[in-house]
Amino acid sequence: MNQLPLNGKRILIADDHAVVRMGFRLLLEGGGAIVVAEADSGEAAIALYAEHRPDALMMDVTMPGLGGLGALERLLAHHPDARVLMLSAHEDVQIPGRALKAGATGYLSKRAEPAEMLRALAQVARGQRYIDPALAPQLALAQLGGASHPGDALTDKEFAVFLQLARGRSVNEVATTQHLSPSTVGTHLYHIKQKLNAGNAAELALIAVRSGLIEV
């Protein structure tokens, strides 16, 4: 008798779309997992992780508030042994590269087949690294300097601020979600504009769209 890929593994799901979470839950439970909770934001994911201490957290990169990357950074600051599989609909190498650098155990595109998602999560729940096979060659090239991207010039904090500003959030909103003062966000914004040669928020959004970091 074949053992289910996630047999008995306790999983926390974080995605801001209820229908997506339902689909994930059905898939994971069909693979033998126990879904301990669902989060609809980065902040909720951090709180629920502390409450349930799951074997793995499966978290979307793009969520309201702190966002997936910000939540990952904060979660690992408090729980450095957390096993996190980051998911994204974006196939640009900048976001998976940042996620893995920040400490994610694995990264998978939402376009992956269901069986591949089960394999990826099972691997992450065992504490083993996982990189989407479709993205691995691009990531390797980027690390070797074979790819150029506007976000490469930004620090991790600047990149997090850039993503939120590019999505139309105000300086004050970004300050709240990133737990920074508005003046600090303003300083980051100044450096971001200088590095990306952007004059305003609209140009930042255009750069993000052209780079595949956000969808219109």
C-alpha atoms as a PDB file:
ATOM      1  CA  MET A   1       0.000   0.000   0.000  1.00  0.00           C
ATOM      2  CA  ASN A   2       1.489   3.327  -1.082  1.00  0.00           C
ATOM      3  CA  GLN A   3       1.887   5.985   1.576  1.00  0.00           C
ATOM      4  CA  LEU A   4       0.360   9.379   0.804  1.00  0.00           C
ATOM      5  CA  PRO A   5       3.017  12.052   0.066  1.00  0.00           C
ATOM      6  CA  LEU A   6       2.000  14.262   3.023  1.00  0.00           C
ATOM      7  CA  ASN A   7       0.961  11.466   5.372  1.00  0.00           C
ATOM      8  CA  GLY A   8       0.133  13.115   8.718  1.00  0.00           C
ATOM      9  CA  LYS A   9       2.077  16.333   8.022  1.00  0.00           C
ATOM     10  CA  ARG A  10       0.564  19.397   9.710  1.00  0.00           C
ATOM     11  CA  ILE A  11       0.314  22.265   7.224  1.00  0.00           C
ATOM     12  CA  LEU A  12      -0.604  25.954   7.517  1.00  0.00           C
ATOM     13  CA  ILE A  13      -1.931  27.609   4.338  1.00  0.00           C
ATOM     14  CA  ALA A  14      -1.532  31.359   3.740  1.00  0.00           C
ATOM     15  CA  ASP A  15      -3.245  32.970   0.741  1.00  0.00           C
ATOM     16  CA  ASP A  16      -5.545  35.979   0.580  1.00  0.00           C
ATOM     17  CA  HIS A  17      -8.071  34.291  -1.738  1.00  0.00           C
ATOM     18  CA  ALA A  18     -10.598  32.050   0.037  1.00  0.00           C
ATOM     19  CA  VAL A  19     -11.345  29.995  -3.084  1.00  0.00           C
ATOM     20  CA  VAL A  20      -7.622  29.333  -3.613  1.00  0.00           C
ATOM     21  CA  ARG A  21      -7.216  28.272   0.026  1.00  0.00           C
ATOM     22  CA  MET A  22     -10.149  25.887  -0.359  1.00  0.00           C
ATOM     23  CA  GLY A  23      -8.541  24.332  -3.426  1.00  0.00           C
ATOM     24  CA  PHE A  24      -5.215  23.985  -1.625  1.00  0.00           C
ATOM     25  CA  ARG A  25      -6.908  22.426   1.412  1.00  0.00           C
ATOM     26  CA  LEU A  26      -8.695  19.804  -0.707  1.00  0.00           C
ATOM     27  CA  LEU A  27      -5.485  18.991  -2.561  1.00  0.00           C
ATOM     28  CA  LEU A  28      -3.339  18.727   0.557  1.00  0.00           C
ATOM     29  CA  GLU A  29      -5.861  16.719   2.551  1.00  0.00           C
ATOM     30  CA  GLY A  30      -6.183  14.385  -0.434  1.00  0.00           C
ATOM     31  CA  GLY A  31      -2.415  13.962  -0.175  1.00  0.00           C
ATOM     32  CA  GLY A  32      -2.658  12.958   3.482  1.00  0.00           C
ATOM     33  CA  ALA A  33      -1.934  16.327   5.141  1.00  0.00           C
ATOM     34  CA  ILE A  34      -3.647  17.793   8.175  1.00  0.00           C
ATOM     35  CA  VAL A  35      -4.408  21.477   7.450  1.00  0.00           C
ATOM     36  CA  VAL A  36      -4.179  23.061  10.898  1.00  0.00           C
ATOM     37  CA  ALA A  37      -5.274  26.580   9.878  1.00  0.00           C
ATOM     38  CA  GLU A  38      -5.660  29.082   7.034  1.00  0.00           C
ATOM     39  CA  ALA A  39      -4.331  32.654   6.954  1.00  0.00           C
ATOM     40  CA  ASP A  40      -5.435  35.461   4.644  1.00  0.00           C
ATOM     41  CA  SER A  41      -2.480  37.799   5.272  1.00  0.00           C
ATOM     42  CA  GLY A  42       1.184  37.753   6.243  1.00  0.00           C
ATOM     43  CA  GLU A  43       0.385  39.004   9.735  1.00  0.00           C
ATOM     44  CA  ALA A  44      -2.197  36.234  10.243  1.00  0.00           C
ATOM     45  CA  ALA A  45       0.290  33.635   8.982  1.00  0.00           C
ATOM     46  CA  ILE A  46       2.857  34.691  11.597  1.00  0.00           C
ATOM     47  CA  ALA A  47       0.304  34.564  14.427  1.00  0.00           C
ATOM     48  CA  LEU A  48      -1.130  31.199  13.339  1.00  0.00           C
ATOM     49  CA  TYR A  49       2.334  29.713  12.920  1.00  0.00           C
ATOM     50  CA  ALA A  50       3.184  30.631  16.516  1.00  0.00           C
ATOM     51  CA  GLU A  51      -0.100  29.092  17.675  1.00  0.00           C
ATOM     52  CA  HIS A  52       0.028  25.806  15.740  1.00  0.00           C
ATOM     53  CA  ARG A  53       3.740  25.219  14.992  1.00  0.00           C
ATOM     54  CA  PRO A  54       3.006  23.278  11.789  1.00  0.00           C
ATOM     55  CA  ASP A  55       5.440  21.000   9.965  1.00  0.00           C
ATOM     56  CA  ALA A  56       5.361  23.449   7.063  1.00  0.00           C
ATOM     57  CA  LEU A  57       3.828  26.741   6.001  1.00  0.00           C
ATOM     58  CA  MET A  58       2.690  27.140   2.390  1.00  0.00           C
ATOM     59  CA  MET A  59       2.503  30.903   1.742  1.00  0.00           C
ATOM     60  CA  ASP A  60       1.674  33.076  -1.249  1.00  0.00           C
ATOM     61  CA  VAL A  61       4.145  35.842  -2.048  1.00  0.00           C
ATOM     62  CA  THR A  62       1.456  38.410  -2.934  1.00  0.00           C
ATOM     63  CA  MET A  63      -0.854  39.184  -0.023  1.00  0.00           C
ATOM     64  CA  PRO A  64      -2.258  42.350   1.574  1.00  0.00           C
ATOM     65  CA  GLY A  65      -0.434  44.176   4.340  1.00  0.00           C
ATOM     66  CA  LEU A  66       3.018  42.866   5.136  1.00  0.00           C
ATOM     67  CA  GLY A  67       3.005  40.560   2.100  1.00  0.00           C
ATOM     68  CA  GLY A  68       4.571  37.137   1.770  1.00  0.00           C
ATOM     69  CA  LEU A  69       8.217  38.221   1.642  1.00  0.00           C
ATOM     70  CA  GLY A  70       7.842  40.561   4.611  1.00  0.00           C
ATOM     71  CA  ALA A  71       6.021  37.860   6.570  1.00  0.00           C
ATOM     72  CA  LEU A  72       8.738  35.341   5.716  1.00  0.00           C
ATOM     73  CA  GLU A  73      11.451  37.635   7.032  1.00  0.00           C
ATOM     74  CA  ARG A  74       9.587  38.359  10.266  1.00  0.00           C
ATOM     75  CA  LEU A  75       8.570  34.737  10.793  1.00  0.00           C
ATOM     76  CA  LEU A  76      12.138  33.460  10.470  1.00  0.00           C
ATOM     77  CA  ALA A  77      13.377  36.145  12.860  1.00  0.00           C
ATOM     78  CA  HIS A  78      11.208  34.547  15.565  1.00  0.00           C
ATOM     79  CA  HIS A  79      11.171  30.934  14.298  1.00  0.00           C
ATOM     80  CA  PRO A  80      14.443  30.321  12.425  1.00  0.00           C
ATOM     81  CA  ASP A  81      13.637  26.621  12.024  1.00  0.00           C
ATOM     82  CA  ALA A  82      10.337  27.306  10.212  1.00  0.00           C
ATOM     83  CA  ARG A  83       9.898  25.359   6.982  1.00  0.00           C
ATOM     84  CA  VAL A  84       8.237  27.567   4.379  1.00  0.00           C
ATOM     85  CA  LEU A  85       7.215  26.840   0.803  1.00  0.00           C
ATOM     86  CA  MET A  86       6.615  30.135  -1.000  1.00  0.00           C
ATOM     87  CA  LEU A  87       4.144  30.210  -3.889  1.00  0.00           C
ATOM     88  CA  SER A  88       3.717  32.796  -6.626  1.00  0.00           C
ATOM     89  CA  ALA A  89       1.944  33.253  -9.939  1.00  0.00           C
ATOM     90  CA  HIS A  90       4.986  35.236 -11.125  1.00  0.00           C
ATOM     91  CA  GLU A  91       7.746  33.405 -12.946  1.00  0.00           C
ATOM     92  CA  ASP A  92      10.316  36.199 -12.841  1.00  0.00           C
ATOM     93  CA  VAL A  93      13.487  35.095 -11.027  1.00  0.00           C
ATOM     94  CA  GLN A  94      13.729  38.203  -8.842  1.00  0.00           C
ATOM     95  CA  ILE A  95      11.018  37.173  -6.344  1.00  0.00           C
ATOM     96  CA  PRO A  96      12.055  33.505  -5.931  1.00  0.00           C
ATOM     97  CA  GLY A  97      15.643  34.630  -5.598  1.00  0.00           C
ATOM     98  CA  ARG A  98      14.692  37.057  -2.831  1.00  0.00           C
ATOM     99  CA  ALA A  99      12.513  34.465  -1.103  1.00  0.00           C
ATOM    100  CA  LEU A 100      15.244  31.817  -1.068  1.00  0.00           C
ATOM    101  CA  LYS A 101      17.836  34.357   0.034  1.00  0.00           C
ATOM    102  CA  ALA A 102      15.515  35.408   2.887  1.00  0.00           C
ATOM    103  CA  GLY A 103      15.395  31.809   4.106  1.00  0.00           C
ATOM    104  CA  ALA A 104      12.446  30.116   2.404  1.00  0.00           C
ATOM    105  CA  THR A 105      12.888  26.357   2.337  1.00  0.00           C
ATOM    106  CA  GLY A 106      11.326  26.131  -1.116  1.00  0.00           C
ATOM    107  CA  TYR A 107       9.699  28.028  -3.953  1.00  0.00           C
ATOM    108  CA  LEU A 108       7.026  26.857  -6.388  1.00  0.00           C
ATOM    109  CA  SER A 109       5.037  28.510  -9.168  1.00  0.00           C
ATOM    110  CA  LYS A 110       1.255  28.398  -8.780  1.00  0.00           C
ATOM    111  CA  ARG A 111       1.199  27.122 -12.347  1.00  0.00           C
ATOM    112  CA  ALA A 112       2.721  23.823 -11.197  1.00  0.00           C
ATOM    113  CA  GLU A 113       0.805  20.567 -11.499  1.00  0.00           C
ATOM    114  CA  PRO A 114      -1.010  19.391  -8.326  1.00  0.00           C
ATOM    115  CA  ALA A 115       1.253  16.353  -7.997  1.00  0.00           C
ATOM    116  CA  GLU A 116       4.312  18.609  -8.144  1.00  0.00           C
ATOM    117  CA  MET A 117       2.886  20.814  -5.380  1.00  0.00           C
ATOM    118  CA  LEU A 118       2.436  17.754  -3.150  1.00  0.00           C
ATOM    119  CA  ARG A 119       6.003  16.640  -3.857  1.00  0.00           C
ATOM    120  CA  ALA A 120       7.360  20.129  -3.161  1.00  0.00           C
ATOM    121  CA  LEU A 121       5.494  20.498   0.122  1.00  0.00           C
ATOM    122  CA  ALA A 122       6.456  16.997   1.277  1.00  0.00           C
ATOM    123  CA  GLN A 123      10.094  17.811   0.603  1.00  0.00           C
ATOM    124  CA  VAL A 124       9.889  21.144   2.451  1.00  0.00           C
ATOM    125  CA  ALA A 125       8.072  19.529   5.402  1.00  0.00           C
ATOM    126  CA  ARG A 126      11.059  17.163   5.716  1.00  0.00           C
ATOM    127  CA  GLY A 127      13.377  20.163   5.868  1.00  0.00           C
ATOM    128  CA  GLN A 128      14.770  19.682   2.366  1.00  0.00           C
ATOM    129  CA  ARG A 129      15.237  22.556  -0.077  1.00  0.00           C
ATOM    130  CA  TYR A 130      12.976  22.694  -3.127  1.00  0.00           C
ATOM    131  CA  ILE A 131      13.198  24.935  -6.194  1.00  0.00           C
ATOM    132  CA  ASP A 132      10.636  24.846  -8.987  1.00  0.00           C
ATOM    133  CA  PRO A 133      12.338  22.895 -11.811  1.00  0.00           C
ATOM    134  CA  ALA A 134      11.022  25.409 -14.371  1.00  0.00           C
ATOM    135  CA  LEU A 135      12.750  28.277 -12.556  1.00  0.00           C
ATOM    136  CA  ALA A 136      15.960  26.589 -11.414  1.00  0.00           C
ATOM    137  CA  PRO A 137      17.970  27.242 -14.637  1.00  0.00           C
ATOM    138  CA  GLN A 138      16.977  30.941 -14.649  1.00  0.00           C
ATOM    139  CA  LEU A 139      17.898  31.292 -10.977  1.00  0.00           C
ATOM    140  CA  ALA A 140      21.274  29.707 -11.600  1.00  0.00           C
ATOM    141  CA  LEU A 141      21.965  32.095 -14.478  1.00  0.00           C
ATOM    142  CA  ALA A 142      20.912  35.086 -12.390  1.00  0.00           C
ATOM    143  CA  GLN A 143      23.259  34.068  -9.566  1.00  0.00           C
ATOM    144  CA  LEU A 144      26.091  33.766 -12.060  1.00  0.00           C
ATOM    145  CA  GLY A 145      25.403  37.248 -13.371  1.00  0.00           C
ATOM    146  CA  GLY A 146      23.833  35.995 -16.573  1.00  0.00           C
ATOM    147  CA  ALA A 147      20.626  37.986 -16.062  1.00  0.00           C
ATOM    148  CA  SER A 148      19.974  41.629 -15.350  1.00  0.00           C
ATOM    149  CA  HIS A 149      16.971  42.932 -13.450  1.00  0.00           C
ATOM    150  CA  PRO A 150      16.029  46.400 -12.150  1.00  0.00           C
ATOM    151  CA  GLY A 151      15.503  45.001  -8.665  1.00  0.00           C
ATOM    152  CA  ASP A 152      19.082  43.763  -8.438  1.00  0.00           C
ATOM    153  CA  ALA A 153      20.225  47.245  -7.424  1.00  0.00           C
ATOM    154  CA  LEU A 154      17.875  47.381  -4.415  1.00  0.00           C
ATOM    155  CA  THR A 155      18.484  46.149  -0.887  1.00  0.00           C
ATOM    156  CA  ASP A 156      15.972  43.660   0.544  1.00  0.00           C
ATOM    157  CA  LYS A 157      14.168  46.387   2.479  1.00  0.00           C
ATOM    158  CA  GLU A 158      14.136  48.718  -0.529  1.00  0.00           C
ATOM    159  CA  PHE A 159      12.755  45.879  -2.656  1.00  0.00           C
ATOM    160  CA  ALA A 160       9.916  45.245  -0.175  1.00  0.00           C
ATOM    161  CA  VAL A 161       9.055  48.968  -0.121  1.00  0.00           C
ATOM    162  CA  PHE A 162       9.324  49.152  -3.934  1.00  0.00           C
ATOM    163  CA  LEU A 163       6.832  46.296  -4.420  1.00  0.00           C
ATOM    164  CA  GLN A 164       4.260  47.905  -2.149  1.00  0.00           C
ATOM    165  CA  LEU A 165       4.639  51.388  -3.637  1.00  0.00           C
ATOM    166  CA  ALA A 166       4.431  49.931  -7.144  1.00  0.00           C
ATOM    167  CA  ARG A 167       1.093  48.355  -6.179  1.00  0.00           C
ATOM    168  CA  GLY A 168      -0.266  51.809  -5.397  1.00  0.00           C
ATOM    169  CA  ARG A 169       0.123  51.931  -1.625  1.00  0.00           C
ATOM    170  CA  SER A 170       0.909  55.266   0.000  1.00  0.00           C
ATOM    171  CA  VAL A 171       4.017  56.037   2.026  1.00  0.00           C
ATOM    172  CA  ASN A 172       1.952  55.944   5.224  1.00  0.00           C
ATOM    173  CA  GLU A 173       0.393  52.588   4.298  1.00  0.00           C
ATOM    174  CA  VAL A 174       3.808  51.111   3.560  1.00  0.00           C
ATOM    175  CA  ALA A 175       5.149  52.512   6.829  1.00  0.00           C
ATOM    176  CA  THR A 176       2.358  50.752   8.738  1.00  0.00           C
ATOM    177  CA  THR A 177       2.757  47.364   7.062  1.00  0.00           C
ATOM    178  CA  GLN A 178       6.570  47.396   7.181  1.00  0.00           C
ATOM    179  CA  HIS A 179       6.689  48.734  10.758  1.00  0.00           C
ATOM    180  CA  LEU A 180       8.760  51.738   9.693  1.00  0.00           C
ATOM    181  CA  SER A 181       8.365  55.471  10.165  1.00  0.00           C
ATOM    182  CA  PRO A 182       7.017  57.442   7.173  1.00  0.00           C
ATOM    183  CA  SER A 183      10.310  59.335   7.020  1.00  0.00           C
ATOM    184  CA  THR A 184      12.249  56.066   6.744  1.00  0.00           C
ATOM    185  CA  VAL A 185       9.951  54.916   3.930  1.00  0.00           C
ATOM    186  CA  GLY A 186      10.497  58.314   2.293  1.00  0.00           C
ATOM    187  CA  THR A 187      14.254  57.788   2.468  1.00  0.00           C
ATOM    188  CA  HIS A 188      13.894  54.327   0.931  1.00  0.00           C
ATOM    189  CA  LEU A 189      11.679  55.819  -1.793  1.00  0.00           C
ATOM    190  CA  TYR A 190      14.333  58.433  -2.595  1.00  0.00           C
ATOM    191  CA  HIS A 191      17.017  55.744  -2.981  1.00  0.00           C
ATOM    192  CA  ILE A 192      14.689  53.521  -5.013  1.00  0.00           C
ATOM    193  CA  LYS A 193      13.948  56.333  -7.457  1.00  0.00           C
ATOM    194  CA  GLN A 194      17.647  57.115  -7.770  1.00  0.00           C
ATOM    195  CA  LYS A 195      18.624  53.500  -8.379  1.00  0.00           C
ATOM    196  CA  LEU A 196      15.805  52.766 -10.824  1.00  0.00           C
ATOM    197  CA  ASN A 197      15.885  56.182 -12.505  1.00  0.00           C
ATOM    198  CA  ALA A 198      12.182  56.709 -11.781  1.00  0.00           C
ATOM    199  CA  GLY A 199      10.575  60.094 -11.276  1.00  0.00           C
ATOM    200  CA  ASN A 200       7.300  59.122  -9.610  1.00  0.00           C
ATOM    201  CA  ALA A 201       5.079  56.289  -8.373  1.00  0.00           C
ATOM    202  CA  ALA A 202       3.611  55.689 -11.843  1.00  0.00           C
ATOM    203  CA  GLU A 203       7.077  55.042 -13.262  1.00  0.00           C
ATOM    204  CA  LEU A 204       7.834  52.667 -10.391  1.00  0.00           C
ATOM    205  CA  ALA A 205       4.643  50.750 -11.190  1.00  0.00           C
ATOM    206  CA  LEU A 206       5.591  50.594 -14.870  1.00  0.00           C
ATOM    207  CA  ILE A 207       9.047  49.232 -14.025  1.00  0.00           C
ATOM    208  CA  ALA A 208       7.472  46.581 -11.787  1.00  0.00           C
ATOM    209  CA  VAL A 209       4.983  45.534 -14.479  1.00  0.00           C
ATOM    210  CA  ARG A 210       7.639  45.366 -17.215  1.00  0.00           C
ATOM    211  CA  SER A 211       9.864  43.296 -14.909  1.00  0.00           C
ATOM    212  CA  GLY A 212       7.062  40.824 -14.233  1.00  0.00           C
ATOM    213  CA  LEU A 213       6.898  41.655 -10.520  1.00  0.00           C
ATOM    214  CA  ILE A 214       3.252  42.740 -10.515  1.00  0.00           C
ATOM    215  CA  GLU A 215       0.312  42.130 -12.813  1.00  0.00           C
ATOM    216  CA  VAL A 216      -1.925  44.834 -14.301  1.00  0.00           C
END
